[in-house]
Amino acid sequence: MNKVKQYSEIISNINFSTQKSERDEYENCEFVNCIFSDISLLSFINCSFKACNLSNCKVNNSKLQDVLFSDCKLLGINFSQAKDFAFTLFCKNCNMDYVSFDKKKLNKSVFENCKMHNANFTQADLTKIKFINCDLLEAHFAQTNLGGVDFTSSHNFLINPENNSIKKAKFLSQDLEKLLYQYDIIVE
């Protein structure tokens, strides 16, 4: 996520909620300060969204491959409805409250400095994704594969190890109570 990338096309200050996209596929494009309400059936490959608002955007059968969201509002998006093939997101400084990744394979996705309150990761495969300094307050993890996920810099998560696969996941020792909360024990 730290690499500087040059995009072949920059699209800025367009409200796609009122103006329909003229294309079905965008590759190597940068969207700046745009608004989206429906990207269903559209394809985004190696694209960047900066300071865009996609809150409650429909993503039915959209292709999101190596897509960067930076400083975006992604509230309430059901990413489970996007195509599975090559689905990879890089999200930095985004508000992602109430997003859903239900049953989604997130490949090598990265979430950095994201607010993800009430995010749904039920039955998702998060193997080796990165949560870097994310706020996971009331995020839902149930039958989720968390193998190799590093939670050491993130906070406010609660994970039931009996209901999730956490093999080789990393946690700070002070976060032990977040794994034992269901046992109603006191950890000092």
Protein backbone atom coordinates (compact mmCIF):
# COMPACT_ATOMS: atom_id res chain seq x y z
CA MET A 1 0.00 0.00 0.00
CA ASN A 2 2.97 2.31 0.34
CA LYS A 3 4.01 2.15 -3.30
CA VAL A 4 3.41 5.24 -5.43
CA LYS A 5 1.45 4.38 -8.52
CA GLN A 6 0.80 6.37 -11.66
CA TYR A 7 -2.70 5.94 -13.06
CA SER A 8 -3.51 6.20 -16.75
CA GLU A 9 -6.68 8.17 -16.06
CA ILE A 10 -7.86 10.43 -13.23
CA ILE A 11 -11.62 10.90 -12.78
CA SER A 12 -12.60 13.54 -10.25
CA ASN A 13 -15.60 15.30 -8.72
CA ILE A 14 -18.27 13.22 -10.45
CA ASN A 15 -21.49 12.18 -8.77
CA PHE A 16 -22.10 8.73 -10.26
CA SER A 17 -25.32 8.54 -8.23
CA THR A 18 -26.90 10.98 -10.67
CA GLN A 19 -24.70 10.34 -13.70
CA LYS A 20 -24.56 6.80 -15.06
CA SER A 21 -21.17 5.32 -15.86
CA GLU A 22 -20.49 5.23 -19.57
CA ARG A 23 -18.18 2.22 -19.23
CA ASP A 24 -18.41 -1.28 -17.83
CA GLU A 25 -14.71 -1.62 -17.03
CA TYR A 26 -12.15 0.66 -15.43
CA GLU A 27 -8.52 -0.35 -15.34
CA ASN A 28 -5.64 1.63 -13.86
CA CYS A 29 -7.93 4.58 -13.01
CA GLU A 30 -7.92 6.94 -10.05
CA PHE A 31 -11.23 8.29 -8.75
CA VAL A 32 -10.96 11.43 -6.60
CA ASN A 33 -13.80 12.99 -4.60
CA CYS A 34 -16.50 11.05 -6.43
CA ILE A 35 -19.84 9.72 -5.17
CA PHE A 36 -21.14 6.25 -6.02
CA SER A 37 -24.45 4.57 -5.16
CA ASP A 38 -24.30 1.54 -7.47
CA ILE A 39 -21.28 -0.11 -9.11
CA SER A 40 -23.07 -3.37 -9.81
CA LEU A 41 -21.78 -5.26 -12.85
CA LEU A 42 -18.83 -2.86 -13.23
CA SER A 43 -15.21 -3.97 -13.21
CA PHE A 44 -12.41 -2.12 -11.36
CA ILE A 45 -8.89 -3.48 -11.83
CA ASN A 46 -5.86 -1.78 -10.27
CA CYS A 47 -7.97 1.28 -9.45
CA SER A 48 -7.79 3.82 -6.64
CA PHE A 49 -10.59 5.67 -4.87
CA LYS A 50 -9.50 8.74 -2.87
CA ALA A 51 -11.85 10.77 -0.67
CA CYS A 52 -14.84 9.13 -2.36
CA ASN A 53 -18.22 8.38 -0.83
CA LEU A 54 -19.53 4.88 -1.55
CA SER A 55 -21.80 4.60 1.50
CA ASN A 56 -24.49 1.94 1.00
CA CYS A 57 -23.25 1.45 -2.56
CA LYS A 58 -24.55 -1.64 -4.36
CA VAL A 59 -21.74 -3.90 -5.58
CA ASN A 60 -23.72 -6.81 -7.07
CA ASN A 61 -21.44 -8.84 -9.34
CA SER A 62 -18.87 -6.06 -9.52
CA LYS A 63 -15.23 -7.00 -9.96
CA LEU A 64 -12.88 -5.42 -7.41
CA GLN A 65 -9.34 -6.55 -8.13
CA ASP A 66 -6.41 -4.81 -6.45
CA VAL A 67 -8.53 -1.80 -5.53
CA LEU A 68 -7.26 0.89 -3.13
CA PHE A 69 -9.71 2.91 -1.05
CA SER A 70 -8.05 5.83 0.74
CA ASP A 71 -9.91 8.29 3.03
CA CYS A 72 -13.25 6.97 1.74
CA LYS A 73 -16.69 6.46 3.26
CA LEU A 74 -17.62 2.82 2.70
CA LEU A 75 -20.47 2.60 5.21
CA GLY A 76 -22.85 -0.35 4.92
CA ILE A 77 -21.45 -1.89 1.73
CA ASN A 78 -22.21 -5.59 1.30
CA PHE A 79 -18.95 -6.71 -0.32
CA SER A 80 -20.26 -10.30 -0.19
CA GLN A 81 -22.21 -9.52 -3.34
CA ALA A 82 -19.09 -8.62 -5.36
CA LYS A 83 -17.47 -11.25 -7.59
CA ASP A 84 -15.15 -13.60 -5.77
CA PHE A 85 -12.51 -13.99 -8.48
CA ALA A 86 -9.34 -12.00 -7.61
CA PHE A 87 -11.24 -9.93 -5.02
CA THR A 88 -8.57 -7.86 -3.23
CA LEU A 89 -9.00 -4.59 -1.34
CA PHE A 90 -6.50 -2.21 0.21
CA CYS A 91 -8.28 0.21 2.55
CA LYS A 92 -6.52 3.04 4.35
CA ASN A 93 -8.11 5.64 6.66
CA CYS A 94 -11.63 4.58 5.67
CA ASN A 95 -14.90 4.55 7.58
CA MET A 96 -16.18 1.02 7.03
CA ASP A 97 -18.89 0.76 9.67
CA TYR A 98 -21.53 -1.91 8.96
CA VAL A 99 -19.72 -3.40 5.93
CA SER A 100 -20.28 -7.07 5.25
CA PHE A 101 -17.77 -9.64 4.07
CA ASP A 102 -20.08 -12.57 4.86
CA LYS A 103 -18.62 -15.78 3.32
CA LYS A 104 -16.04 -13.71 1.38
CA LYS A 105 -12.45 -14.77 0.70
CA LEU A 106 -10.37 -11.65 1.20
CA ASN A 107 -7.12 -13.00 -0.26
CA LYS A 108 -4.30 -10.62 0.63
CA SER A 109 -6.43 -7.61 1.53
CA VAL A 110 -5.09 -4.93 3.87
CA PHE A 111 -7.07 -2.67 6.22
CA GLU A 112 -5.05 0.17 7.76
CA ASN A 113 -6.36 2.80 10.18
CA CYS A 114 -9.94 1.86 9.33
CA LYS A 115 -12.99 2.26 11.53
CA MET A 116 -14.91 -1.01 11.14
CA HIS A 117 -17.64 -0.89 13.79
CA ASN A 118 -20.21 -3.70 13.40
CA ALA A 119 -18.41 -5.11 10.35
CA ASN A 120 -19.60 -8.61 9.45
CA PHE A 121 -16.93 -11.26 8.83
CA THR A 122 -19.22 -14.29 9.36
CA GLN A 123 -17.84 -17.39 7.57
CA ALA A 124 -15.27 -15.25 5.76
CA ASP A 125 -11.76 -16.44 4.92
CA LEU A 126 -9.39 -13.79 6.25
CA THR A 127 -6.26 -15.96 6.04
CA LYS A 128 -3.18 -13.73 6.24
CA ILE A 129 -4.98 -10.44 5.66
CA LYS A 130 -3.69 -7.44 7.58
CA PHE A 131 -5.57 -5.35 10.11
CA ILE A 132 -3.23 -2.46 10.94
CA ASN A 133 -4.48 -0.17 13.71
CA CYS A 134 -8.15 -0.87 12.96
CA ASP A 135 -11.07 -0.24 15.30
CA LEU A 136 -13.13 -3.45 15.24
CA LEU A 137 -15.77 -2.50 17.83
CA GLU A 138 -18.63 -5.02 17.73
CA ALA A 139 -17.27 -6.62 14.54
CA HIS A 140 -18.83 -10.05 14.02
CA PHE A 141 -16.50 -13.03 13.72
CA ALA A 142 -18.37 -16.37 13.52
CA GLN A 143 -17.02 -19.47 11.78
CA THR A 144 -14.37 -17.15 10.36
CA ASN A 145 -10.94 -18.32 9.24
CA LEU A 146 -8.51 -15.96 10.97
CA GLY A 147 -5.41 -18.08 10.31
CA GLY A 148 -2.27 -15.95 10.40
CA VAL A 149 -4.14 -12.65 10.95
CA ASP A 150 -2.18 -10.13 13.02
CA PHE A 151 -4.40 -8.32 15.56
CA THR A 152 -1.51 -6.83 17.57
CA SER A 153 -2.08 -3.22 16.48
CA SER A 154 -5.89 -3.33 16.25
CA HIS A 155 -8.37 -2.83 19.06
CA ASN A 156 -11.95 -3.31 20.34
CA PHE A 157 -12.32 -6.80 18.83
CA LEU A 158 -13.94 -9.79 20.56
CA ILE A 159 -13.21 -13.23 19.13
CA ASN A 160 -14.52 -16.59 20.31
CA PRO A 161 -11.75 -19.15 19.58
CA GLU A 162 -14.28 -22.00 19.80
CA ASN A 163 -16.34 -20.51 16.97
CA ASN A 164 -13.47 -19.33 14.72
CA SER A 165 -10.26 -20.75 13.32
CA ILE A 166 -7.42 -18.72 14.88
CA LYS A 167 -4.40 -20.92 14.14
CA LYS A 168 -1.22 -18.79 14.02
CA ALA A 169 -3.21 -15.55 14.51
CA LYS A 170 -1.26 -12.96 16.52
CA PHE A 171 -2.58 -11.17 19.60
CA LEU A 172 -0.99 -9.04 22.31
CA SER A 173 -0.89 -10.63 25.77
CA GLN A 174 -3.01 -7.77 27.16
CA ASP A 175 -5.74 -8.73 24.67
CA LEU A 176 -6.14 -12.20 26.18
CA GLU A 177 -9.47 -11.24 27.75
CA LYS A 178 -10.82 -10.51 24.23
CA LEU A 179 -10.40 -14.21 23.47
CA LEU A 180 -11.79 -15.42 26.80
CA TYR A 181 -14.78 -13.08 27.21
CA GLN A 182 -17.36 -15.86 26.72
CA TYR A 183 -16.09 -17.72 29.80
CA ASP A 184 -16.99 -14.86 32.14
CA ILE A 185 -13.62 -15.01 33.87
CA ILE A 186 -11.49 -12.18 35.18
CA VAL A 187 -8.02 -11.74 33.71
CA GLU A 188 -5.67 -9.42 35.60
